Amino acid sequence: MADRVQRIDVLDVYRDAASVKVVTGLWIDYMHLSKLNGEWRVLDLVLQYTCK
């Protein structure tokens, strides 16, 4: 179950743009999101593998 989301941190929101950090047991995902027609969409995703 190490791939389950452990934490979601909203790093910044300004109008229709946001930066988010998602932490799981294996990965840290950094996302840039944009709101389009009232729905958030992922524009960019950077994955970091955390297992040693």
PDB file of N, CA and C in Angstrom:
ATOM      1  N   MET A   1       0.813  -1.201   0.000  1.00  0.00           N
ATOM      2  CA  MET A   1       0.000   0.000   0.000  1.00  0.00           C
ATOM      3  C   MET A   1       0.856   1.264   0.000  1.00  0.00           C
ATOM      4  N   ALA A   2       2.147   1.128  -0.303  1.00  0.00           N
ATOM      5  CA  ALA A   2       3.049   2.270  -0.266  1.00  0.00           C
ATOM      6  C   ALA A   2       2.755   3.298  -1.343  1.00  0.00           C
ATOM      7  N   ASP A   3       1.933   2.941  -2.339  1.00  0.00           N
ATOM      8  CA  ASP A   3       1.640   3.880  -3.424  1.00  0.00           C
ATOM      9  C   ASP A   3       0.425   4.753  -3.133  1.00  0.00           C
ATOM     10  N   ARG A   4      -0.187   4.604  -1.987  1.00  0.00           N
ATOM     11  CA  ARG A   4      -1.351   5.430  -1.638  1.00  0.00           C
ATOM     12  C   ARG A   4      -0.936   6.831  -1.241  1.00  0.00           C
ATOM     13  N   VAL A   5      -1.817   7.775  -1.499  1.00  0.00           N
ATOM     14  CA  VAL A   5      -1.545   9.173  -1.160  1.00  0.00           C
ATOM     15  C   VAL A   5      -1.512   9.324   0.360  1.00  0.00           C
ATOM     16  N   GLN A   6      -0.410   9.871   0.846  1.00  0.00           N
ATOM     17  CA  GLN A   6      -0.260  10.118   2.275  1.00  0.00           C
ATOM     18  C   GLN A   6      -0.561  11.572   2.624  1.00  0.00           C
ATOM     19  N   ARG A   7      -0.241  12.463   1.675  1.00  0.00           N
ATOM     20  CA  ARG A   7      -0.419  13.892   1.967  1.00  0.00           C
ATOM     21  C   ARG A   7      -0.526  14.668   0.663  1.00  0.00           C
ATOM     22  N   ILE A   8      -1.366  15.690   0.654  1.00  0.00           N
ATOM     23  CA  ILE A   8      -1.464  16.632  -0.459  1.00  0.00           C
ATOM     24  C   ILE A   8      -1.264  18.024   0.119  1.00  0.00           C
ATOM     25  N   ASP A   9      -0.242  18.726  -0.390  1.00  0.00           N
ATOM     26  CA  ASP A   9       0.057  20.084   0.058  1.00  0.00           C
ATOM     27  C   ASP A   9      -0.219  21.048  -1.095  1.00  0.00           C
ATOM     28  N   VAL A  10      -1.107  21.999  -0.876  1.00  0.00           N
ATOM     29  CA  VAL A  10      -1.321  23.061  -1.854  1.00  0.00           C
ATOM     30  C   VAL A  10      -0.264  24.111  -1.565  1.00  0.00           C
ATOM     31  N   LEU A  11       0.687  24.242  -2.471  1.00  0.00           N
ATOM     32  CA  LEU A  11       1.816  25.141  -2.257  1.00  0.00           C
ATOM     33  C   LEU A  11       1.460  26.593  -2.547  1.00  0.00           C
ATOM     34  N   ASP A  12       0.623  26.813  -3.572  1.00  0.00           N
ATOM     35  CA  ASP A  12       0.248  28.175  -3.934  1.00  0.00           C
ATOM     36  C   ASP A  12      -0.971  28.144  -4.845  1.00  0.00           C
ATOM     37  N   VAL A  13      -1.843  29.123  -4.683  1.00  0.00           N
ATOM     38  CA  VAL A  13      -2.988  29.307  -5.582  1.00  0.00           C
ATOM     39  C   VAL A  13      -3.095  30.792  -5.888  1.00  0.00           C
ATOM     40  N   TYR A  14      -3.236  31.118  -7.153  1.00  0.00           N
ATOM     41  CA  TYR A  14      -3.480  32.495  -7.564  1.00  0.00           C
ATOM     42  C   TYR A  14      -4.438  32.451  -8.750  1.00  0.00           C
ATOM     43  N   ARG A  15      -5.611  33.001  -8.541  1.00  0.00           N
ATOM     44  CA  ARG A  15      -6.679  33.008  -9.534  1.00  0.00           C
ATOM     45  C   ARG A  15      -6.932  31.597 -10.065  1.00  0.00           C
ATOM     46  N   ASP A  16      -6.579  31.335 -11.305  1.00  0.00           N
ATOM     47  CA  ASP A  16      -6.869  30.036 -11.921  1.00  0.00           C
ATOM     48  C   ASP A  16      -5.621  29.174 -12.087  1.00  0.00           C
ATOM     49  N   ALA A  17      -4.605  29.396 -11.246  1.00  0.00           N
ATOM     50  CA  ALA A  17      -3.379  28.604 -11.305  1.00  0.00           C
ATOM     51  C   ALA A  17      -3.025  28.119  -9.904  1.00  0.00           C
ATOM     52  N   ALA A  18      -2.441  26.914  -9.834  1.00  0.00           N
ATOM     53  CA  ALA A  18      -2.057  26.360  -8.536  1.00  0.00           C
ATOM     54  C   ALA A  18      -0.843  25.457  -8.684  1.00  0.00           C
ATOM     55  N   SER A  19      -0.078  25.342  -7.590  1.00  0.00           N
ATOM     56  CA  SER A  19       1.026  24.395  -7.477  1.00  0.00           C
ATOM     57  C   SER A  19       0.710  23.470  -6.312  1.00  0.00           C
ATOM     58  N   VAL A  20       0.893  22.157  -6.534  1.00  0.00           N
ATOM     59  CA  VAL A  20       0.501  21.155  -5.543  1.00  0.00           C
ATOM     60  C   VAL A  20       1.616  20.126  -5.410  1.00  0.00           C
ATOM     61  N   LYS A  21       1.812  19.633  -4.177  1.00  0.00           N
ATOM     62  CA  LYS A  21       2.756  18.544  -3.906  1.00  0.00           C
ATOM     63  C   LYS A  21       1.958  17.369  -3.362  1.00  0.00           C
ATOM     64  N   VAL A  22       2.122  16.190  -3.986  1.00  0.00           N
ATOM     65  CA  VAL A  22       1.427  14.973  -3.562  1.00  0.00           C
ATOM     66  C   VAL A  22       2.482  13.973  -3.096  1.00  0.00           C
ATOM     67  N   VAL A  23       2.349  13.486  -1.869  1.00  0.00           N
ATOM     68  CA  VAL A  23       3.324  12.558  -1.297  1.00  0.00           C
ATOM     69  C   VAL A  23       2.678  11.194  -1.124  1.00  0.00           C
ATOM     70  N   THR A  24       3.346  10.159  -1.651  1.00  0.00           N
ATOM     71  CA  THR A  24       2.957   8.767  -1.419  1.00  0.00           C
ATOM     72  C   THR A  24       4.147   8.075  -0.776  1.00  0.00           C
ATOM     73  N   GLY A  25       4.041   6.811  -0.533  1.00  0.00           N
ATOM     74  CA  GLY A  25       5.156   6.073   0.053  1.00  0.00           C
ATOM     75  C   GLY A  25       6.321   5.899  -0.897  1.00  0.00           C
ATOM     76  N   LEU A  26       6.074   5.949  -2.198  1.00  0.00           N
ATOM     77  CA  LEU A  26       7.121   5.726  -3.201  1.00  0.00           C
ATOM     78  C   LEU A  26       7.490   6.967  -3.988  1.00  0.00           C
ATOM     79  N   TRP A  27       6.584   7.920  -4.088  1.00  0.00           N
ATOM     80  CA  TRP A  27       6.756   9.058  -4.981  1.00  0.00           C
ATOM     81  C   TRP A  27       6.418  10.374  -4.296  1.00  0.00           C
ATOM     82  N   ILE A  28       7.039  11.432  -4.802  1.00  0.00           N
ATOM     83  CA  ILE A  28       6.593  12.793  -4.535  1.00  0.00           C
ATOM     84  C   ILE A  28       6.293  13.393  -5.902  1.00  0.00           C
ATOM     85  N   ASP A  29       5.084  13.865  -6.094  1.00  0.00           N
ATOM     86  CA  ASP A  29       4.661  14.458  -7.360  1.00  0.00           C
ATOM     87  C   ASP A  29       4.486  15.960  -7.169  1.00  0.00           C
ATOM     88  N   TYR A  30       5.084  16.735  -8.048  1.00  0.00           N
ATOM     89  CA  TYR A  30       4.884  18.183  -8.067  1.00  0.00           C
ATOM     90  C   TYR A  30       4.048  18.502  -9.298  1.00  0.00           C
ATOM     91  N   MET A  31       2.930  19.191  -9.096  1.00  0.00           N
ATOM     92  CA  MET A  31       2.000  19.464 -10.191  1.00  0.00           C
ATOM     93  C   MET A  31       1.717  20.951 -10.326  1.00  0.00           C
ATOM     94  N   HIS A  32       1.569  21.394 -11.558  1.00  0.00           N
ATOM     95  CA  HIS A  32       1.042  22.715 -11.862  1.00  0.00           C
ATOM     96  C   HIS A  32      -0.341  22.499 -12.448  1.00  0.00           C
ATOM     97  N   LEU A  33      -1.323  23.204 -11.905  1.00  0.00           N
ATOM     98  CA  LEU A  33      -2.701  23.044 -12.337  1.00  0.00           C
ATOM     99  C   LEU A  33      -3.264  24.368 -12.833  1.00  0.00           C
ATOM    100  N   SER A  34      -4.269  24.253 -13.694  1.00  0.00           N
ATOM    101  CA  SER A  34      -4.973  25.429 -14.195  1.00  0.00           C
ATOM    102  C   SER A  34      -6.464  25.128 -14.177  1.00  0.00           C
ATOM    103  N   LYS A  35      -7.264  26.133 -13.812  1.00  0.00           N
ATOM    104  CA  LYS A  35      -8.715  25.954 -13.794  1.00  0.00           C
ATOM    105  C   LYS A  35      -9.274  26.397 -15.139  1.00  0.00           C
ATOM    106  N   LEU A  36      -9.997  25.495 -15.800  1.00  0.00           N
ATOM    107  CA  LEU A  36     -10.603  25.755 -17.098  1.00  0.00           C
ATOM    108  C   LEU A  36     -12.070  25.355 -17.034  1.00  0.00           C
ATOM    109  N   ASN A  37     -12.948  26.294 -17.313  1.00  0.00           N
ATOM    110  CA  ASN A  37     -14.396  26.040 -17.246  1.00  0.00           C
ATOM    111  C   ASN A  37     -14.814  25.462 -15.893  1.00  0.00           C
ATOM    112  N   GLY A  38     -14.189  25.961 -14.825  1.00  0.00           N
ATOM    113  CA  GLY A  38     -14.570  25.554 -13.475  1.00  0.00           C
ATOM    114  C   GLY A  38     -13.956  24.249 -12.995  1.00  0.00           C
ATOM    115  N   GLU A  39     -13.098  23.610 -13.802  1.00  0.00           N
ATOM    116  CA  GLU A  39     -12.475  22.343 -13.413  1.00  0.00           C
ATOM    117  C   GLU A  39     -10.954  22.479 -13.425  1.00  0.00           C
ATOM    118  N   TRP A  40     -10.296  21.892 -12.404  1.00  0.00           N
ATOM    119  CA  TRP A  40      -8.840  21.915 -12.344  1.00  0.00           C
ATOM    120  C   TRP A  40      -8.269  20.862 -13.281  1.00  0.00           C
ATOM    121  N   ARG A  41      -7.243  21.255 -14.043  1.00  0.00           N
ATOM    122  CA  ARG A  41      -6.550  20.363 -14.983  1.00  0.00           C
ATOM    123  C   ARG A  41      -5.060  20.391 -14.692  1.00  0.00           C
ATOM    124  N   VAL A  42      -4.414  19.236 -14.770  1.00  0.00           N
ATOM    125  CA  VAL A  42      -2.969  19.159 -14.570  1.00  0.00           C
ATOM    126  C   VAL A  42      -2.276  19.578 -15.858  1.00  0.00           C
ATOM    127  N   LEU A  43      -1.416  20.592 -15.752  1.00  0.00           N
ATOM    128  CA  LEU A  43      -0.659  21.070 -16.910  1.00  0.00           C
ATOM    129  C   LEU A  43       0.719  20.441 -16.984  1.00  0.00           C
ATOM    130  N   ASP A  44       1.328  20.209 -15.819  1.00  0.00           N
ATOM    131  CA  ASP A  44       2.698  19.717 -15.764  1.00  0.00           C
ATOM    132  C   ASP A  44       2.849  18.846 -14.540  1.00  0.00           C
ATOM    133  N   LEU A  45       3.676  17.805 -14.653  1.00  0.00           N
ATOM    134  CA  LEU A  45       3.876  16.880 -13.558  1.00  0.00           C
ATOM    135  C   LEU A  45       5.344  16.468 -13.505  1.00  0.00           C
ATOM    136  N   VAL A  46       5.953  16.592 -12.337  1.00  0.00           N
ATOM    137  CA  VAL A  46       7.320  16.130 -12.116  1.00  0.00           C
ATOM    138  C   VAL A  46       7.268  15.081 -11.016  1.00  0.00           C
ATOM    139  N   LEU A  47       7.798  13.879 -11.297  1.00  0.00           N
ATOM    140  CA  LEU A  47       7.792  12.778 -10.352  1.00  0.00           C
ATOM    141  C   LEU A  47       9.186  12.584  -9.762  1.00  0.00           C
ATOM    142  N   GLN A  48       9.243  12.334  -8.476  1.00  0.00           N
ATOM    143  CA  GLN A  48      10.495  12.006  -7.810  1.00  0.00           C
ATOM    144  C   GLN A  48      10.304  10.702  -7.063  1.00  0.00           C
ATOM    145  N   TYR A  49      11.102   9.701  -7.410  1.00  0.00           N
ATOM    146  CA  TYR A  49      11.053   8.399  -6.752  1.00  0.00           C
ATOM    147  C   TYR A  49      11.778   8.506  -5.414  1.00  0.00           C
ATOM    148  N   THR A  50      11.157   8.039  -4.325  1.00  0.00           N
ATOM    149  CA  THR A  50      11.723   8.266  -2.993  1.00  0.00           C
ATOM    150  C   THR A  50      12.352   7.045  -2.353  1.00  0.00           C
ATOM    151  N   CYS A  51      12.182   5.852  -2.928  1.00  0.00           N
ATOM    152  CA  CYS A  51      12.748   4.642  -2.314  1.00  0.00           C
ATOM    153  C   CYS A  51      14.260   4.604  -2.497  1.00  0.00           C
ATOM    154  N   LYS A  52      14.906   4.102  -1.491  1.00  0.00           N
ATOM    155  CA  LYS A  52      16.376   4.062  -1.513  1.00  0.00           C
ATOM    156  C   LYS A  52      16.875   2.766  -2.073  1.00  0.00           C
TER     157      LYS A  52
END
